[in-house]
Amino acid sequence: MARSRLVFLLLLVEWLLVSSVIAISDVPFMVAHKKVSQSQLKSGVERLTVSIDIFNEGSVTAYEVNLVDDGWPQDKFEIVSGSTSKTWERLDAGATTSHSFVLESKVKGNFQGSPAVIKFRVSTKTALQEAFSTPIQPLYILADKPQEKKFEWVQRLLAKYGSQVSVLLLVGLFLYVLVSPSKSNASKGKKKR
């Protein structure tokens, strides 16, 4: 879980760095976010709804945009509705599109999916360009989900930054006490006049 968060943060930083460079040049820049929602229909069957949002953050149109998400093994997942691939004729600069499909699984276990692949053509280049979606969190199919400890993140933050926070609070309290008596004495002096 920490690994996928790290990957997501690295992708976000990369996107911020590249988007500043891309803003200057005239090329499409695809950003794709893949997400999965799970629902257990009956015992022994779990349904996954996969949706992929694609954003053209570049300054020109992308042509022949092709999305393929074939990281779902057929021995574990069955397509209920939709398709794992989709093609758009074009995606204009600043435009957004999305695609979704539904899978069903009868196999119990953990699954770590791969990112979806987006291929597109730029009007000034003959070769297809390639982009990847964000990865998904590990899926626990028909499994007992690990219980999250309540306030675990608070404990980690306090363990890491507790001493700095307490020093800042003490300094703030000291400054408040130091300044507040002079304000109260000044206001009393003005009332006497």
Protein backbone atom coordinates (compact mmCIF):
# COMPACT_ATOMS: atom_id res chain seq x y z
CA MET A 1 0.00 0.00 0.00
CA ALA A 2 2.83 2.37 0.85
CA ARG A 3 4.52 1.38 -2.41
CA SER A 4 1.48 2.32 -4.49
CA ARG A 5 1.19 5.65 -2.65
CA LEU A 6 4.84 6.31 -3.38
CA VAL A 7 4.28 5.46 -7.05
CA PHE A 8 1.25 7.78 -7.13
CA LEU A 9 3.24 10.63 -5.55
CA LEU A 10 6.11 10.10 -7.98
CA LEU A 11 3.67 10.15 -10.90
CA LEU A 12 2.13 13.34 -9.54
CA VAL A 13 5.53 15.04 -9.19
CA GLU A 14 6.49 13.84 -12.67
CA TRP A 15 3.22 15.17 -14.04
CA LEU A 16 3.83 18.58 -12.43
CA LEU A 17 7.36 18.79 -13.82
CA VAL A 18 6.43 17.60 -17.27
CA SER A 19 3.29 19.73 -17.46
CA SER A 20 5.34 22.87 -16.92
CA VAL A 21 7.62 21.86 -19.81
CA ILE A 22 4.69 20.72 -21.96
CA ALA A 23 2.90 24.04 -21.47
CA ILE A 24 5.70 25.69 -23.41
CA SER A 25 5.72 23.20 -26.32
CA ASP A 26 2.96 22.28 -28.76
CA VAL A 27 2.23 18.60 -28.02
CA PRO A 28 -0.58 16.64 -26.39
CA PHE A 29 0.10 15.39 -22.88
CA MET A 30 -2.11 12.56 -21.66
CA VAL A 31 -2.88 12.07 -17.99
CA ALA A 32 -4.97 9.01 -17.15
CA HIS A 33 -6.46 8.02 -13.80
CA LYS A 34 -7.63 4.43 -13.28
CA LYS A 35 -9.93 3.51 -10.41
CA VAL A 36 -11.77 0.36 -9.36
CA SER A 37 -14.81 -0.05 -7.14
CA GLN A 38 -15.70 -3.44 -5.70
CA SER A 39 -19.09 -4.86 -4.76
CA GLN A 40 -19.86 -8.36 -3.54
CA LEU A 41 -23.08 -9.57 -5.16
CA LYS A 42 -23.52 -12.95 -3.51
CA SER A 43 -21.27 -15.39 -1.82
CA GLY A 44 -18.60 -16.52 -4.22
CA VAL A 45 -18.98 -13.64 -6.73
CA GLU A 46 -17.48 -10.16 -6.65
CA ARG A 47 -18.06 -7.44 -9.25
CA LEU A 48 -15.47 -4.82 -10.17
CA THR A 49 -16.31 -1.59 -11.95
CA VAL A 50 -13.21 -0.20 -13.63
CA SER A 51 -13.21 3.39 -14.88
CA ILE A 52 -10.40 5.24 -16.59
CA ASP A 53 -10.44 9.03 -17.01
CA ILE A 54 -8.15 10.50 -19.68
CA PHE A 55 -7.18 14.19 -19.73
CA ASN A 56 -5.34 15.90 -22.59
CA GLU A 57 -3.31 18.43 -20.62
CA GLY A 58 -1.28 19.43 -23.68
CA SER A 59 -1.79 22.39 -25.96
CA VAL A 60 -2.77 20.53 -29.16
CA THR A 61 -5.16 17.77 -30.22
CA ALA A 62 -4.24 14.09 -29.94
CA TYR A 63 -5.46 11.85 -32.77
CA GLU A 64 -6.31 8.13 -32.91
CA VAL A 65 -6.40 7.82 -29.12
CA ASN A 66 -6.45 4.14 -28.19
CA LEU A 67 -6.95 2.87 -24.62
CA VAL A 68 -6.08 -0.74 -23.74
CA ASP A 69 -6.41 -2.19 -20.25
CA ASP A 70 -5.60 -5.86 -20.76
CA GLY A 71 -4.07 -6.55 -17.35
CA TRP A 72 -7.10 -8.59 -16.22
CA PRO A 73 -6.32 -12.32 -16.57
CA GLN A 74 -9.16 -14.28 -18.18
CA ASP A 75 -8.73 -17.17 -15.75
CA LYS A 76 -9.60 -14.84 -12.84
CA PHE A 77 -11.94 -12.22 -14.36
CA GLU A 78 -14.88 -12.34 -16.74
CA ILE A 79 -16.12 -9.28 -18.62
CA VAL A 80 -19.77 -8.60 -17.73
CA SER A 81 -20.29 -5.38 -19.67
CA GLY A 82 -18.18 -3.06 -21.74
CA SER A 83 -14.75 -3.71 -23.18
CA THR A 84 -11.20 -3.41 -21.89
CA SER A 85 -10.29 -1.26 -24.90
CA LYS A 86 -11.70 1.87 -26.51
CA THR A 87 -10.70 4.14 -29.39
CA TRP A 88 -11.47 7.82 -29.93
CA GLU A 89 -10.86 9.65 -33.19
CA ARG A 90 -9.42 12.67 -31.39
CA LEU A 91 -9.04 14.27 -27.99
CA ASP A 92 -8.77 18.05 -28.13
CA ALA A 93 -6.42 20.08 -25.94
CA GLY A 94 -7.91 20.47 -22.47
CA ALA A 95 -10.58 17.83 -23.13
CA THR A 96 -11.51 14.92 -20.91
CA THR A 97 -12.97 11.53 -21.73
CA SER A 98 -13.62 8.39 -19.75
CA HIS A 99 -14.26 4.71 -20.28
CA SER A 100 -15.61 2.07 -17.93
CA PHE A 101 -16.30 -1.64 -17.94
CA VAL A 102 -17.52 -4.23 -15.45
CA LEU A 103 -15.72 -7.43 -14.49
CA GLU A 104 -16.80 -10.35 -12.34
CA SER A 105 -14.52 -12.61 -10.36
CA LYS A 106 -15.16 -15.95 -8.73
CA VAL A 107 -11.54 -16.52 -7.74
CA LYS A 108 -10.54 -15.65 -4.20
CA GLY A 109 -7.23 -13.92 -3.60
CA ASN A 110 -5.18 -10.74 -3.88
CA PHE A 111 -4.69 -8.98 -7.21
CA GLN A 112 -2.37 -6.16 -8.23
CA GLY A 113 -3.39 -4.69 -11.58
CA SER A 114 -1.17 -3.03 -14.13
CA PRO A 115 -1.70 0.50 -15.51
CA ALA A 116 -3.76 0.97 -18.66
CA VAL A 117 -1.89 1.95 -21.84
CA ILE A 118 -2.95 4.92 -23.95
CA LYS A 119 -1.49 5.27 -27.44
CA PHE A 120 -2.09 8.35 -29.56
CA ARG A 121 -0.79 10.13 -32.61
CA VAL A 122 0.57 13.66 -32.78
CA SER A 123 -0.03 15.55 -36.04
CA THR A 124 3.66 16.44 -36.37
CA LYS A 125 5.02 12.89 -35.76
CA THR A 126 4.39 9.60 -37.52
CA ALA A 127 5.20 7.31 -34.59
CA LEU A 128 2.53 6.61 -31.97
CA GLN A 129 3.08 8.17 -28.56
CA GLU A 130 2.39 6.19 -25.39
CA ALA A 131 1.11 7.11 -21.93
CA PHE A 132 0.15 5.06 -18.87
CA SER A 133 -2.63 5.43 -16.32
CA THR A 134 -2.09 5.53 -12.60
CA PRO A 135 -1.82 2.10 -10.96
CA ILE A 136 -4.62 0.77 -8.78
CA GLN A 137 -4.44 -0.19 -5.13
CA PRO A 138 -4.11 -3.93 -4.43
CA LEU A 139 -7.48 -5.65 -4.64
CA TYR A 140 -8.62 -8.28 -2.15
CA ILE A 141 -11.04 -10.36 -4.20
CA LEU A 142 -13.55 -12.33 -2.09
CA ALA A 143 -11.08 -12.11 0.76
CA ASP A 144 -11.36 -10.84 4.27
CA LYS A 145 -10.18 -7.29 3.94
CA PRO A 146 -7.46 -6.28 6.39
CA GLN A 147 -8.89 -4.12 9.12
CA GLU A 148 -7.55 -0.62 9.26
CA LYS A 149 -6.53 0.51 12.68
CA LYS A 150 -8.43 3.57 13.76
CA PHE A 151 -6.30 6.66 14.14
CA GLU A 152 -3.21 4.79 12.92
CA TRP A 153 -2.26 7.77 10.74
CA VAL A 154 -2.55 10.11 13.75
CA GLN A 155 -0.15 7.94 15.70
CA ARG A 156 2.33 7.93 12.82
CA LEU A 157 2.14 11.73 12.50
CA LEU A 158 2.58 12.24 16.23
CA ALA A 159 5.52 9.86 16.31
CA LYS A 160 7.16 11.66 13.42
CA TYR A 161 6.29 15.32 14.09
CA GLY A 162 5.11 15.36 17.72
CA SER A 163 8.21 17.04 19.14
CA GLN A 164 8.14 19.83 16.53
CA VAL A 165 4.44 20.46 17.11
CA SER A 166 4.87 20.63 20.88
CA VAL A 167 7.76 23.11 20.55
CA LEU A 168 5.69 25.32 18.23
CA LEU A 169 2.73 25.18 20.62
CA LEU A 170 4.94 26.14 23.59
CA VAL A 171 6.50 29.04 21.67
CA GLY A 172 3.03 30.19 20.55
CA LEU A 173 1.69 29.98 24.10
CA PHE A 174 4.72 31.86 25.45
CA LEU A 175 4.27 34.63 22.89
CA TYR A 176 0.55 34.85 23.63
CA VAL A 177 1.17 35.15 27.38
CA LEU A 178 3.96 37.65 26.79
CA VAL A 179 1.81 39.90 24.58
CA SER A 180 -1.63 39.53 26.19
CA PRO A 181 -0.90 41.20 29.62
CA SER A 182 0.40 44.33 27.94
CA LYS A 183 -2.77 44.60 25.87
CA SER A 184 -5.01 44.20 28.91
CA ASN A 185 -3.05 46.85 30.89
CA ALA A 186 -3.16 49.26 27.96
CA SER A 187 -6.92 48.89 27.60
CA LYS A 188 -7.41 49.46 31.37
CA GLY A 189 -5.31 52.62 31.20
CA LYS A 190 -7.44 54.02 28.40
CA LYS A 191 -10.66 53.38 30.33
CA LYS A 192 -9.47 55.45 33.33
CA ARG A 193 -9.08 58.59 31.27
